N, C-alpha and C. Protein backbone atom coordinates (compact mmCIF):
# COMPACT_ATOMS: atom_id res chain seq x y z
N UNK A 1 -9.97 25.77 -27.76
CA UNK A 1 -9.41 24.79 -27.82
C UNK A 1 -8.34 24.59 -28.78
N UNK A 2 -7.00 24.25 -28.53
CA UNK A 2 -6.25 24.03 -29.50
C UNK A 2 -5.81 22.27 -29.46
N UNK A 3 -5.16 21.89 -30.29
CA UNK A 3 -4.46 20.88 -30.34
C UNK A 3 -3.84 20.29 -29.00
N UNK A 4 -2.84 21.72 -28.63
CA UNK A 4 -1.79 21.39 -27.64
C UNK A 4 -2.79 21.05 -26.21
N UNK A 5 -3.61 21.89 -26.15
CA UNK A 5 -4.87 21.75 -24.84
C UNK A 5 -5.02 19.97 -24.93
N UNK A 6 -5.19 19.56 -25.94
CA UNK A 6 -5.70 18.12 -26.03
C UNK A 6 -4.96 17.24 -25.33
N UNK A 7 -3.35 17.43 -26.06
CA UNK A 7 -2.31 16.67 -25.65
C UNK A 7 -1.98 17.00 -24.39
N UNK A 8 -2.07 18.05 -23.53
CA UNK A 8 -2.19 18.23 -22.21
C UNK A 8 -2.74 17.55 -21.59
N UNK A 9 -4.10 17.63 -21.89
CA UNK A 9 -5.07 17.17 -21.27
C UNK A 9 -5.17 15.39 -21.25
N UNK A 10 -4.83 14.66 -22.55
CA UNK A 10 -4.83 13.41 -22.36
C UNK A 10 -3.32 12.60 -22.09
N UNK A 11 -2.40 13.33 -22.17
CA UNK A 11 -1.06 12.67 -21.94
C UNK A 11 -0.91 11.84 -20.78
N UNK A 12 -1.26 11.97 -19.84
CA UNK A 12 -1.31 11.15 -18.83
C UNK A 12 -2.59 10.89 -17.98
N UNK A 13 -3.53 10.72 -19.13
CA UNK A 13 -5.01 10.35 -18.82
C UNK A 13 -5.02 8.86 -18.60
N UNK A 14 -5.52 8.30 -17.26
CA UNK A 14 -5.90 6.89 -17.40
C UNK A 14 -7.01 6.74 -17.82
N UNK A 15 -7.62 5.68 -18.76
CA UNK A 15 -9.08 5.43 -19.11
C UNK A 15 -9.56 5.21 -17.73
N UNK A 16 -11.03 5.39 -18.13
CA UNK A 16 -11.95 4.68 -16.77
C UNK A 16 -13.37 4.83 -17.60
N UNK A 17 -14.22 4.48 -16.56
CA UNK A 17 -15.74 4.59 -17.10
C UNK A 17 -15.96 5.97 -17.25
N UNK A 18 -16.95 6.57 -18.63
CA UNK A 18 -17.23 7.70 -18.80
C UNK A 18 -18.38 8.12 -17.87
N UNK A 19 -17.77 9.23 -17.19
CA UNK A 19 -19.40 9.85 -16.31
C UNK A 19 -19.38 8.96 -15.10
N UNK A 20 -18.45 8.01 -14.56
CA UNK A 20 -18.70 7.31 -13.35
C UNK A 20 -19.17 8.16 -12.19
N UNK A 21 -19.88 7.61 -11.86
CA UNK A 21 -20.43 8.29 -10.28
C UNK A 21 -19.43 8.11 -9.34
N UNK A 22 -18.78 6.94 -9.06
CA UNK A 22 -18.02 6.51 -8.13
C UNK A 22 -17.15 5.20 -8.61
N UNK A 23 -16.45 4.86 -7.92
CA UNK A 23 -15.15 3.88 -7.62
C UNK A 23 -15.35 2.99 -6.92
N UNK A 24 -15.50 1.90 -6.55
CA UNK A 24 -15.40 0.87 -5.36
C UNK A 24 -14.55 -0.10 -5.69
N UNK A 25 -13.77 -0.44 -4.39
CA UNK A 25 -12.93 -1.71 -4.66
C UNK A 25 -13.22 -2.78 -3.36
N UNK A 26 -12.68 -3.92 -3.60
CA UNK A 26 -12.85 -4.92 -2.52
C UNK A 26 -11.63 -5.95 -2.40
N UNK A 27 -11.55 -6.29 -0.89
CA UNK A 27 -10.52 -7.44 -1.33
C UNK A 27 -11.02 -8.97 -1.18
N UNK A 28 -10.44 -9.48 -2.21
CA UNK A 28 -11.04 -10.94 -2.07
C UNK A 28 -9.96 -11.84 -1.22
N UNK A 29 -10.34 -11.94 -0.01
CA UNK A 29 -9.08 -12.94 1.01
C UNK A 29 -9.04 -14.06 0.90
N UNK A 30 -7.88 -14.63 0.52
CA UNK A 30 -7.60 -16.07 0.61
C UNK A 30 -6.79 -16.36 1.63
N UNK A 31 -7.10 -17.52 2.35
CA UNK A 31 -6.38 -17.87 3.65
C UNK A 31 -6.27 -19.26 3.70
N UNK A 32 -5.25 -19.61 3.94
CA UNK A 32 -4.45 -21.08 3.92
C UNK A 32 -4.97 -21.70 5.47
N UNK A 33 -5.26 -23.21 5.38
CA UNK A 33 -5.72 -23.58 6.54
C UNK A 33 -5.90 -25.19 6.56
N UNK A 34 -6.21 -25.68 7.72
CA UNK A 34 -6.17 -27.33 7.37
C UNK A 34 -7.15 -28.28 6.17
N UNK A 35 -8.40 -27.34 5.56
CA UNK A 35 -9.14 -27.31 4.39
C UNK A 35 -8.60 -26.83 3.31
N UNK A 36 -7.26 -26.65 3.09
CA UNK A 36 -6.78 -25.94 2.12
C UNK A 36 -6.98 -24.47 1.95
N UNK A 37 -6.99 -23.73 0.58
CA UNK A 37 -7.24 -22.59 0.84
C UNK A 37 -8.83 -22.14 0.85
N UNK A 38 -9.31 -21.04 1.54
CA UNK A 38 -10.68 -20.78 1.64
C UNK A 38 -10.88 -19.16 1.53
N UNK A 39 -11.98 -18.86 1.05
CA UNK A 39 -12.52 -17.32 0.76
C UNK A 39 -12.67 -16.77 2.06
N UNK A 40 -12.59 -15.81 2.37
CA UNK A 40 -12.93 -15.06 3.67
C UNK A 40 -14.20 -14.19 3.32
N UNK A 41 -15.23 -14.08 4.10
CA UNK A 41 -16.29 -13.35 3.49
C UNK A 41 -16.77 -12.54 4.90
N UNK A 42 -17.23 -11.35 4.88
CA UNK A 42 -17.93 -10.97 5.97
C UNK A 42 -19.47 -10.66 5.87
N UNK A 43 -20.25 -10.33 6.79
CA UNK A 43 -21.77 -10.43 7.04
C UNK A 43 -22.04 -8.87 7.59
N UNK A 44 -22.68 -7.95 6.56
CA UNK A 44 -22.84 -6.86 6.95
C UNK A 44 -23.82 -6.69 7.90
N UNK A 45 -23.60 -5.34 8.86
CA UNK A 45 -24.47 -5.32 9.80
C UNK A 45 -25.80 -5.20 9.48
N UNK A 46 -26.72 -5.31 10.72
CA UNK A 46 -28.13 -5.29 10.43
C UNK A 46 -28.47 -4.01 10.15
N UNK A 47 -27.98 -3.20 10.86
CA UNK A 47 -28.50 -1.68 10.79
C UNK A 47 -28.32 -0.42 9.73
N UNK A 48 -27.21 -1.19 8.98
CA UNK A 48 -26.94 -0.59 7.62
C UNK A 48 -28.25 -0.10 6.81
N UNK A 49 -27.95 1.08 6.30
CA UNK A 49 -28.81 1.42 4.84
C UNK A 49 -29.10 0.78 3.96
N UNK A 50 -27.76 0.22 3.24
CA UNK A 50 -27.90 -0.59 2.01
C UNK A 50 -27.27 -1.79 2.35
N UNK A 51 -27.88 -2.98 1.64
CA UNK A 51 -27.33 -4.22 1.82
C UNK A 51 -27.17 -4.61 3.05
N UNK A 52 -28.23 -4.63 3.97
CA UNK A 52 -27.98 -4.77 5.37
C UNK A 52 -28.01 -6.20 5.38
N UNK A 53 -26.84 -7.00 6.32
CA UNK A 53 -26.99 -8.37 6.56
C UNK A 53 -26.96 -9.23 5.44
N UNK A 54 -26.08 -8.62 4.42
CA UNK A 54 -25.75 -9.24 3.32
C UNK A 54 -24.19 -9.52 3.32
N UNK A 55 -24.00 -10.97 2.48
CA UNK A 55 -22.32 -11.34 2.31
C UNK A 55 -21.76 -10.52 1.40
N UNK A 56 -20.59 -10.18 1.93
CA UNK A 56 -19.92 -9.51 1.03
C UNK A 56 -18.32 -9.59 1.36
N UNK A 57 -17.37 -8.98 0.47
CA UNK A 57 -16.06 -9.10 0.56
C UNK A 57 -15.79 -7.78 1.51
N UNK A 58 -14.64 -7.52 2.10
CA UNK A 58 -14.53 -6.52 2.71
C UNK A 58 -14.04 -5.23 1.62
N UNK A 59 -14.68 -3.90 1.69
CA UNK A 59 -13.96 -3.01 0.64
C UNK A 59 -15.44 -1.98 0.87
N UNK A 60 -14.94 -0.92 -0.43
CA UNK A 60 -15.59 0.28 -0.48
C UNK A 60 -15.57 1.40 -1.34
N UNK A 61 -15.99 2.46 -1.00
CA UNK A 61 -15.78 3.41 -2.00
C UNK A 61 -14.10 4.09 -2.31
N UNK A 62 -13.81 4.03 -3.20
CA UNK A 62 -12.32 4.57 -3.46
C UNK A 62 -12.48 5.83 -3.06
N UNK A 63 -11.42 6.66 -2.41
CA UNK A 63 -11.27 8.27 -1.92
C UNK A 63 -10.53 8.56 -3.31
N UNK A 64 -10.57 10.09 -3.58
CA UNK A 64 -9.74 10.38 -4.34
C UNK A 64 -8.34 10.32 -4.54
N UNK A 65 -7.69 9.63 -5.68
CA UNK A 65 -6.34 9.87 -5.82
C UNK A 65 -6.15 8.07 -5.41
N UNK A 66 -7.07 7.40 -4.92
CA UNK A 66 -6.71 6.25 -4.15
C UNK A 66 -6.80 5.09 -5.28
N UNK A 67 -5.95 4.28 -5.26
CA UNK A 67 -5.81 3.04 -6.35
C UNK A 67 -6.62 1.95 -5.70
N UNK A 68 -7.38 1.15 -6.57
CA UNK A 68 -7.72 0.27 -5.99
C UNK A 68 -7.33 -0.99 -4.66
N UNK A 69 -5.99 -1.03 -4.65
CA UNK A 69 -5.22 -1.88 -3.74
C UNK A 69 -5.19 -1.46 -2.52
N UNK A 70 -4.92 0.37 -2.58
CA UNK A 70 -5.23 1.17 -1.48
C UNK A 70 -6.49 1.18 -0.77
N UNK A 71 -7.38 1.17 -1.48
CA UNK A 71 -8.88 1.11 -1.03
C UNK A 71 -9.23 -0.12 -0.48
N UNK A 72 -8.77 -1.24 -1.21
CA UNK A 72 -9.21 -2.41 -0.66
C UNK A 72 -8.34 -2.75 0.88
N UNK A 73 -6.87 -2.31 1.00
CA UNK A 73 -6.37 -2.43 2.22
C UNK A 73 -7.09 -1.73 3.38
N UNK A 74 -7.30 -0.62 2.72
CA UNK A 74 -7.77 0.78 3.97
C UNK A 74 -8.88 -0.25 4.39
N UNK A 75 -10.11 -0.29 3.53
CA UNK A 75 -11.32 -0.79 3.94
C UNK A 75 -10.98 -2.36 4.82
N UNK A 76 -10.47 -3.10 4.52
CA UNK A 76 -10.10 -4.30 5.19
C UNK A 76 -9.72 -4.02 6.68
N UNK A 77 -8.90 -3.06 6.52
CA UNK A 77 -8.34 -2.71 8.20
C UNK A 77 -9.72 -2.03 8.69
N UNK A 78 -10.18 -1.13 8.24
CA UNK A 78 -11.44 -0.51 8.96
C UNK A 78 -12.53 -1.30 9.40
N UNK A 79 -12.81 -2.32 8.29
CA UNK A 79 -13.95 -3.34 8.55
C UNK A 79 -13.38 -4.27 9.29
N UNK A 80 -12.42 -4.85 9.29
CA UNK A 80 -12.16 -6.43 10.16
C UNK A 80 -10.85 -6.19 10.89
N UNK A 81 -10.16 -5.20 10.57
CA UNK A 81 -8.99 -5.10 11.61
C UNK A 81 -7.85 -5.90 11.29
N UNK A 82 -7.75 -6.23 9.79
CA UNK A 82 -6.78 -6.87 9.57
C UNK A 82 -5.69 -5.72 8.95
N UNK A 83 -4.49 -5.86 9.49
CA UNK A 83 -3.51 -4.72 9.07
C UNK A 83 -3.00 -5.10 7.85
N UNK A 84 -2.47 -4.10 6.96
CA UNK A 84 -1.58 -4.30 5.65
C UNK A 84 -0.65 -5.13 5.72
N UNK A 85 0.35 -5.36 6.81
CA UNK A 85 1.18 -5.98 6.88
C UNK A 85 0.98 -7.89 7.02
N UNK A 86 -0.42 -7.94 7.08
CA UNK A 86 -0.82 -9.17 7.23
C UNK A 86 -1.59 -9.90 5.88
N UNK A 87 -1.52 -8.98 4.59
CA UNK A 87 -2.01 -9.23 3.50
C UNK A 87 -0.98 -9.07 2.65
N UNK A 88 -0.93 -10.22 1.98
CA UNK A 88 -0.03 -10.23 0.69
C UNK A 88 -0.97 -10.03 -0.74
N UNK A 89 -0.59 -9.02 -1.45
CA UNK A 89 -1.46 -8.74 -2.54
C UNK A 89 -1.03 -9.64 -3.70
N UNK A 90 -1.74 -10.73 -4.35
CA UNK A 90 -1.81 -11.37 -5.37
C UNK A 90 -1.85 -10.53 -6.78
N UNK A 91 -2.92 -9.86 -6.96
CA UNK A 91 -3.07 -9.24 -7.82
C UNK A 91 -4.45 -8.73 -8.07
N UNK A 92 -4.91 -7.89 -9.05
CA UNK A 92 -5.80 -7.43 -9.37
C UNK A 92 -7.07 -8.33 -10.33
N UNK A 93 -8.04 -8.49 -10.12
CA UNK A 93 -8.80 -9.33 -10.69
C UNK A 93 -9.82 -8.37 -11.96
N UNK A 94 -10.57 -8.81 -12.67
CA UNK A 94 -11.34 -8.03 -13.63
C UNK A 94 -12.20 -7.32 -12.93
N UNK A 95 -12.40 -6.14 -13.57
CA UNK A 95 -13.48 -5.27 -12.78
C UNK A 95 -15.08 -5.28 -13.42
N UNK A 96 -15.64 -4.99 -12.37
CA UNK A 96 -17.12 -5.05 -13.19
C UNK A 96 -17.63 -3.68 -13.19
N UNK A 97 -18.80 -3.42 -14.09
CA UNK A 97 -19.33 -2.26 -14.54
C UNK A 97 -20.86 -2.41 -13.78
N UNK A 98 -21.04 -1.59 -12.88
CA UNK A 98 -22.40 -1.86 -12.38
C UNK A 98 -23.42 -1.20 -12.91
N UNK A 99 -24.86 -1.42 -12.57
CA UNK A 99 -25.85 -0.65 -13.43
C UNK A 99 -25.91 0.79 -12.77
N UNK A 100 -25.30 1.18 -11.67
CA UNK A 100 -25.43 2.47 -11.24
C UNK A 100 -24.58 3.38 -11.52
N UNK A 101 -23.67 3.04 -12.96
CA UNK A 101 -22.97 3.62 -13.61
C UNK A 101 -21.66 3.87 -12.60
N UNK A 102 -20.96 3.02 -11.85
CA UNK A 102 -20.03 2.67 -10.98
C UNK A 102 -19.46 1.82 -11.43
N UNK A 103 -17.96 1.58 -11.00
CA UNK A 103 -17.03 0.52 -11.10
C UNK A 103 -16.54 -0.09 -9.86
N UNK A 104 -16.23 -1.54 -9.92
CA UNK A 104 -16.31 -2.36 -8.91
C UNK A 104 -14.72 -3.06 -9.33
N UNK A 105 -13.59 -2.77 -8.52
CA UNK A 105 -12.27 -3.33 -8.62
C UNK A 105 -12.08 -4.51 -7.67
N UNK A 106 -12.11 -5.79 -7.82
CA UNK A 106 -11.89 -6.56 -6.79
C UNK A 106 -10.30 -6.64 -6.88
N UNK A 107 -9.37 -7.22 -6.02
CA UNK A 107 -8.21 -7.21 -5.69
C UNK A 107 -7.78 -8.56 -4.86
N UNK A 108 -7.30 -9.47 -5.31
CA UNK A 108 -7.21 -10.72 -4.57
C UNK A 108 -5.80 -10.28 -3.74
N UNK A 109 -5.78 -11.20 -2.37
CA UNK A 109 -4.58 -11.09 -1.62
C UNK A 109 -5.13 -12.30 -0.69
N UNK A 110 -3.79 -12.64 -0.10
CA UNK A 110 -3.61 -13.66 0.86
C UNK A 110 -3.58 -12.94 2.27
N UNK A 111 -4.48 -13.71 3.08
CA UNK A 111 -4.45 -12.92 4.39
C UNK A 111 -3.76 -14.12 5.40
N UNK A 112 -3.14 -13.72 6.09
CA UNK A 112 -2.14 -14.55 6.89
C UNK A 112 -3.06 -15.08 8.08
N UNK A 113 -2.98 -16.71 8.27
CA UNK A 113 -4.19 -17.47 8.98
C UNK A 113 -4.02 -16.70 10.43
N UNK A 114 -2.88 -16.31 10.99
CA UNK A 114 -2.73 -15.83 12.14
C UNK A 114 -3.60 -14.68 12.57
N UNK A 115 -3.82 -13.85 11.50
CA UNK A 115 -4.83 -12.43 11.44
C UNK A 115 -5.98 -12.91 11.40
N UNK A 116 -6.45 -14.03 11.58
CA UNK A 116 -7.74 -14.52 11.75
C UNK A 116 -8.26 -14.88 13.04
N UNK A 117 -6.91 -15.01 13.75
CA UNK A 117 -7.17 -14.95 15.37
C UNK A 117 -7.23 -13.75 15.90
N UNK A 118 -6.71 -12.86 15.49
CA UNK A 118 -6.73 -11.39 15.88
C UNK A 118 -8.00 -10.58 14.82
N UNK A 119 -8.98 -11.14 14.48
CA UNK A 119 -9.87 -10.35 13.85
C UNK A 119 -10.69 -9.12 14.70
N UNK A 120 -11.08 -7.99 14.07
CA UNK A 120 -11.74 -6.93 15.08
C UNK A 120 -12.81 -6.87 14.48
N UNK A 121 -13.78 -7.36 13.90
CA UNK A 121 -15.05 -6.93 13.00
C UNK A 121 -15.48 -5.36 13.81
N UNK A 122 -15.48 -4.52 12.85
CA UNK A 122 -16.24 -3.18 13.41
C UNK A 122 -17.58 -3.53 13.62
N UNK A 123 -18.24 -2.99 14.60
CA UNK A 123 -19.68 -3.75 14.81
C UNK A 123 -20.58 -2.69 13.87
N UNK A 124 -20.28 -1.58 13.58
CA UNK A 124 -21.18 -0.43 12.93
C UNK A 124 -21.15 -1.09 11.58
N UNK A 125 -20.10 -1.66 10.68
CA UNK A 125 -20.33 -2.20 9.64
C UNK A 125 -20.55 -3.81 9.52
N UNK A 126 -20.07 -4.50 10.41
CA UNK A 126 -19.77 -6.04 10.27
C UNK A 126 -20.44 -6.77 11.30
N UNK A 127 -21.40 -7.62 11.05
CA UNK A 127 -22.11 -8.55 12.27
C UNK A 127 -21.23 -9.70 12.47
N UNK A 128 -20.58 -10.45 11.46
CA UNK A 128 -19.75 -11.47 11.45
C UNK A 128 -18.76 -11.85 10.37
N UNK A 129 -18.10 -12.99 10.49
CA UNK A 129 -17.50 -13.15 9.13
C UNK A 129 -17.92 -14.80 9.05
N UNK A 130 -17.49 -14.96 7.80
CA UNK A 130 -17.71 -16.47 7.30
C UNK A 130 -16.40 -17.01 6.42
N UNK A 131 -15.90 -18.01 6.63
CA UNK A 131 -14.80 -18.81 5.86
C UNK A 131 -15.33 -19.86 5.22
N UNK A 132 -15.13 -20.03 3.80
CA UNK A 132 -15.93 -21.12 3.03
C UNK A 132 -14.52 -21.54 2.09
N UNK A 133 -14.47 -22.91 2.42
CA UNK A 133 -13.11 -23.43 1.64
C UNK A 133 -13.39 -23.31 0.25
N UNK A 134 -12.14 -23.40 -0.51
CA UNK A 134 -12.51 -23.36 -2.18
C UNK A 134 -13.25 -24.70 -2.42
N UNK A 135 -12.99 -25.71 -1.72
CA UNK A 135 -13.41 -27.23 -2.20
C UNK A 135 -14.74 -27.29 -2.13
N UNK A 136 -15.21 -26.41 -1.21
CA UNK A 136 -16.62 -26.42 -0.67
C UNK A 136 -17.45 -25.71 -1.89
N UNK A 137 -16.72 -24.58 -2.22
CA UNK A 137 -17.44 -23.65 -3.52
C UNK A 137 -17.41 -24.66 -4.60
N UNK A 138 -16.45 -25.17 -4.90
CA UNK A 138 -16.26 -25.93 -6.01
C UNK A 138 -17.28 -27.06 -6.03
N UNK A 139 -17.40 -27.76 -4.77
CA UNK A 139 -18.81 -28.99 -4.79
C UNK A 139 -20.11 -28.65 -5.14
N UNK A 140 -20.42 -27.31 -4.88
CA UNK A 140 -21.90 -26.41 -5.05
C UNK A 140 -21.51 -25.18 -5.81
N UNK A 141 -21.69 -25.83 -7.18
CA UNK A 141 -21.76 -24.50 -8.13
C UNK A 141 -22.86 -23.75 -7.86
N UNK A 142 -22.67 -22.43 -8.50
CA UNK A 142 -23.97 -21.54 -8.37
C UNK A 142 -25.03 -21.97 -9.38
N UNK A 143 -26.23 -21.57 -9.34
CA UNK A 143 -27.33 -21.58 -10.02
C UNK A 143 -27.26 -20.05 -10.45
N UNK A 144 -27.34 -19.90 -11.96
CA UNK A 144 -27.53 -18.60 -12.60
C UNK A 144 -28.82 -18.42 -12.75
N UNK A 145 -29.37 -17.38 -12.27
CA UNK A 145 -30.63 -16.69 -12.52
C UNK A 145 -30.42 -15.67 -13.69
N UNK A 146 -31.04 -15.10 -14.46
CA UNK A 146 -31.26 -14.28 -15.49
C UNK A 146 -32.41 -13.35 -15.58
N UNK A 147 -32.47 -11.98 -15.71
CA UNK A 147 -33.65 -11.43 -15.77
C UNK A 147 -33.08 -10.01 -16.94
N UNK A 148 -34.22 -9.35 -17.51
CA UNK A 148 -34.13 -8.61 -18.55
C UNK A 148 -33.96 -7.34 -17.91
N UNK A 149 -33.27 -6.33 -18.72
CA UNK A 149 -32.97 -4.97 -18.58
C UNK A 149 -33.61 -4.40 -19.76
N UNK A 150 -34.53 -3.56 -19.40
CA UNK A 150 -35.35 -3.02 -20.37
C UNK A 150 -35.74 -1.53 -20.44
N UNK A 151 -35.33 -1.07 -21.96
CA UNK A 151 -35.55 0.55 -21.61
C UNK A 151 -36.93 1.05 -21.11
N UNK A 152 -37.09 1.81 -20.42
CA UNK A 152 -38.35 2.49 -20.04
C UNK A 152 -38.48 3.96 -19.79
N UNK A 153 -39.71 4.36 -20.49
CA UNK A 153 -39.77 5.98 -20.43
C UNK A 153 -39.67 6.28 -22.23
N UNK A 154 -39.17 5.43 -22.92
CA UNK A 154 -38.98 5.85 -24.33
C UNK A 154 -39.98 6.75 -25.05
N UNK A 155 -41.37 6.78 -24.38
CA UNK A 155 -42.27 7.79 -25.29
C UNK A 155 -42.07 8.86 -25.07
N UNK A 156 -41.15 9.36 -24.06
CA UNK A 156 -40.51 10.78 -23.79
C UNK A 156 -39.44 11.32 -24.74
N UNK A 157 -38.76 10.21 -25.39
CA UNK A 157 -37.74 10.47 -26.22
C UNK A 157 -37.89 11.32 -27.54
N UNK A 158 -37.11 12.23 -27.79
CA UNK A 158 -37.45 13.16 -28.90
C UNK A 158 -36.98 12.79 -30.39
N UNK A 159 -37.72 11.90 -30.65
CA UNK A 159 -37.45 11.22 -31.80
C UNK A 159 -37.35 12.02 -33.08
N UNK A 160 -38.38 13.05 -33.22
CA UNK A 160 -38.07 13.68 -34.24
C UNK A 160 -37.10 14.45 -34.21
N UNK A 161 -35.96 14.99 -33.17
CA UNK A 161 -34.64 15.59 -33.60
C UNK A 161 -33.85 14.59 -33.73
N UNK A 162 -33.78 13.42 -33.81
CA UNK A 162 -32.94 12.76 -34.48
C UNK A 162 -33.53 11.86 -35.88
N UNK A 163 -34.47 12.36 -36.28
CA UNK A 163 -35.00 11.89 -37.36
C UNK A 163 -35.18 10.41 -37.80
N UNK A 164 -35.96 9.81 -36.31
CA UNK A 164 -36.01 8.48 -36.09
C UNK A 164 -37.66 7.99 -35.95
N UNK A 165 -38.10 7.46 -36.52
CA UNK A 165 -39.58 7.19 -35.96
C UNK A 165 -40.04 6.38 -34.83
N UNK A 166 -41.02 7.20 -34.06
CA UNK A 166 -41.21 6.43 -33.08
C UNK A 166 -41.26 4.81 -32.74
N UNK A 167 -41.18 4.13 -31.66
CA UNK A 167 -41.16 2.84 -31.89
C UNK A 167 -39.69 2.08 -32.23
N UNK A 168 -38.81 3.18 -32.02
CA UNK A 168 -37.33 2.64 -32.60
C UNK A 168 -36.77 1.41 -31.45
N UNK A 169 -36.05 0.26 -31.93
CA UNK A 169 -35.91 -0.81 -30.97
C UNK A 169 -34.67 -0.50 -30.05
N UNK A 170 -34.97 -0.18 -29.02
CA UNK A 170 -33.84 0.20 -27.96
C UNK A 170 -33.13 -0.79 -27.72
N UNK A 171 -31.97 -1.24 -27.46
CA UNK A 171 -31.27 -2.29 -27.01
C UNK A 171 -31.65 -2.94 -25.55
N UNK A 172 -32.03 -4.40 -25.46
CA UNK A 172 -32.11 -4.65 -24.11
C UNK A 172 -30.96 -5.06 -23.81
N UNK A 173 -30.95 -5.32 -22.26
CA UNK A 173 -29.76 -5.93 -21.73
C UNK A 173 -30.14 -7.34 -20.76
N UNK A 174 -29.30 -7.96 -20.20
CA UNK A 174 -29.42 -8.87 -19.59
C UNK A 174 -28.79 -9.25 -18.33
N UNK A 175 -29.15 -9.39 -17.31
CA UNK A 175 -28.04 -9.49 -16.01
C UNK A 175 -27.97 -10.95 -15.65
N UNK A 176 -27.20 -11.19 -14.95
CA UNK A 176 -26.83 -12.67 -14.40
C UNK A 176 -26.67 -12.55 -13.01
N UNK A 177 -27.56 -13.19 -12.03
CA UNK A 177 -27.07 -13.24 -10.72
C UNK A 177 -26.92 -14.72 -10.25
N UNK A 178 -25.45 -14.84 -9.98
CA UNK A 178 -25.29 -16.38 -9.64
C UNK A 178 -25.74 -16.53 -8.03
N UNK A 179 -26.35 -17.61 -7.65
CA UNK A 179 -26.51 -18.07 -6.54
C UNK A 179 -26.14 -19.32 -5.78
N UNK A 180 -25.34 -19.16 -4.95
CA UNK A 180 -24.86 -20.53 -4.07
C UNK A 180 -25.87 -21.09 -3.19
N UNK A 181 -25.82 -22.36 -3.42
CA UNK A 181 -26.52 -23.17 -2.00
C UNK A 181 -25.78 -23.91 -1.31
N UNK A 182 -26.25 -24.26 0.04
CA UNK A 182 -25.61 -25.41 0.47
C UNK A 182 -24.09 -25.05 0.97
N UNK A 183 -24.01 -23.52 1.62
CA UNK A 183 -22.72 -23.13 2.24
C UNK A 183 -23.24 -22.43 3.49
N UNK A 184 -22.00 -22.17 4.09
CA UNK A 184 -22.30 -21.87 5.66
C UNK A 184 -22.85 -20.44 5.79
N UNK A 185 -22.86 -19.67 4.74
CA UNK A 185 -23.37 -18.26 4.39
C UNK A 185 -24.13 -18.17 3.27
N UNK A 186 -25.05 -17.22 2.86
CA UNK A 186 -25.73 -16.93 1.81
C UNK A 186 -24.78 -16.37 0.92
N UNK A 187 -24.70 -16.77 -0.43
CA UNK A 187 -23.89 -16.06 -1.34
C UNK A 187 -24.51 -15.95 -2.58
N UNK A 188 -24.54 -14.79 -3.04
CA UNK A 188 -25.40 -14.16 -4.02
C UNK A 188 -24.79 -12.76 -4.92
N UNK A 189 -25.31 -12.83 -6.16
CA UNK A 189 -25.12 -11.06 -6.37
C UNK A 189 -23.60 -10.88 -6.80
N UNK A 190 -23.11 -9.80 -6.54
CA UNK A 190 -21.59 -9.12 -6.85
C UNK A 190 -20.87 -9.97 -6.59
N UNK A 191 -21.07 -10.39 -4.91
CA UNK A 191 -19.74 -11.33 -4.34
C UNK A 191 -19.72 -12.79 -5.10
N UNK A 192 -21.22 -13.16 -5.23
CA UNK A 192 -20.86 -14.60 -5.92
C UNK A 192 -20.43 -14.43 -7.41
N UNK A 193 -20.63 -13.24 -7.92
CA UNK A 193 -19.94 -13.19 -9.43
C UNK A 193 -18.61 -13.07 -9.18
N UNK A 194 -17.88 -12.48 -8.30
CA UNK A 194 -16.76 -12.45 -8.25
C UNK A 194 -15.96 -13.64 -8.00
N UNK A 195 -16.88 -14.52 -6.91
CA UNK A 195 -16.21 -15.71 -6.62
C UNK A 195 -16.32 -16.81 -7.71
N UNK A 196 -17.55 -17.05 -8.49
CA UNK A 196 -17.64 -17.67 -9.46
C UNK A 196 -16.56 -17.28 -10.91
N UNK A 197 -16.27 -16.20 -10.93
CA UNK A 197 -15.49 -15.97 -11.88
C UNK A 197 -14.29 -16.13 -11.65
N UNK A 198 -13.54 -15.93 -10.29
CA UNK A 198 -12.18 -16.49 -9.63
C UNK A 198 -11.88 -17.95 -9.54
N UNK A 199 -13.08 -18.89 -9.34
CA UNK A 199 -13.18 -20.11 -9.50
C UNK A 199 -13.24 -20.53 -11.14
N UNK A 200 -13.69 -20.22 -11.61
CA UNK A 200 -13.66 -20.61 -13.12
C UNK A 200 -12.19 -20.40 -13.89
N UNK A 201 -11.63 -19.31 -13.54
CA UNK A 201 -10.56 -18.75 -14.11
C UNK A 201 -9.46 -19.52 -13.80
N UNK A 202 -9.34 -20.25 -12.21
CA UNK A 202 -8.54 -20.97 -11.77
C UNK A 202 -8.29 -22.20 -12.51
N UNK A 203 -9.70 -22.79 -12.73
CA UNK A 203 -10.19 -24.17 -13.52
C UNK A 203 -9.72 -24.19 -14.99
N UNK A 204 -9.79 -23.12 -15.71
CA UNK A 204 -9.52 -23.00 -17.04
C UNK A 204 -8.05 -23.44 -17.27
């Protein structure tokens, strides 16, 4: 390898998560209506293998070469039947690093109110939708639950190879899980984290 090899490799490199297994994107859909702005959620189908019947934003795994915005628009069409022309992209929100060594990219967009009348949820993925006014979310702030992330299996670590005595204090982590109560549909986990972050950001 030469210095020129490194220049060629990284001249157009876009930084991401090292060794990421996958990237995901979701649309965070804002809808204007009689109660002001609302967020549109979907309830996943009962027969899905992962996260069945959970509340989420429309989205999924990014395909090779796909941007978060393109992925969010494609998945919203596939899951809810909302075409791209009915969505105004407002901007990309802060991304999330997931424990599965993946990245989640939320994209904020305004969905035309008329698009709600033409919703066509894909029954293979979506069993229902849920529209929650922002003022309702603000009136019911989430409870924040926390649990520890602890290293497991360190007894097999080759301490002698790194000249470190057994019992090394590996760093622990912590996960926060927001849970909203009193809403038309259950809201917790990643979807609640994105919702909570968005509302806090707008209130600051």
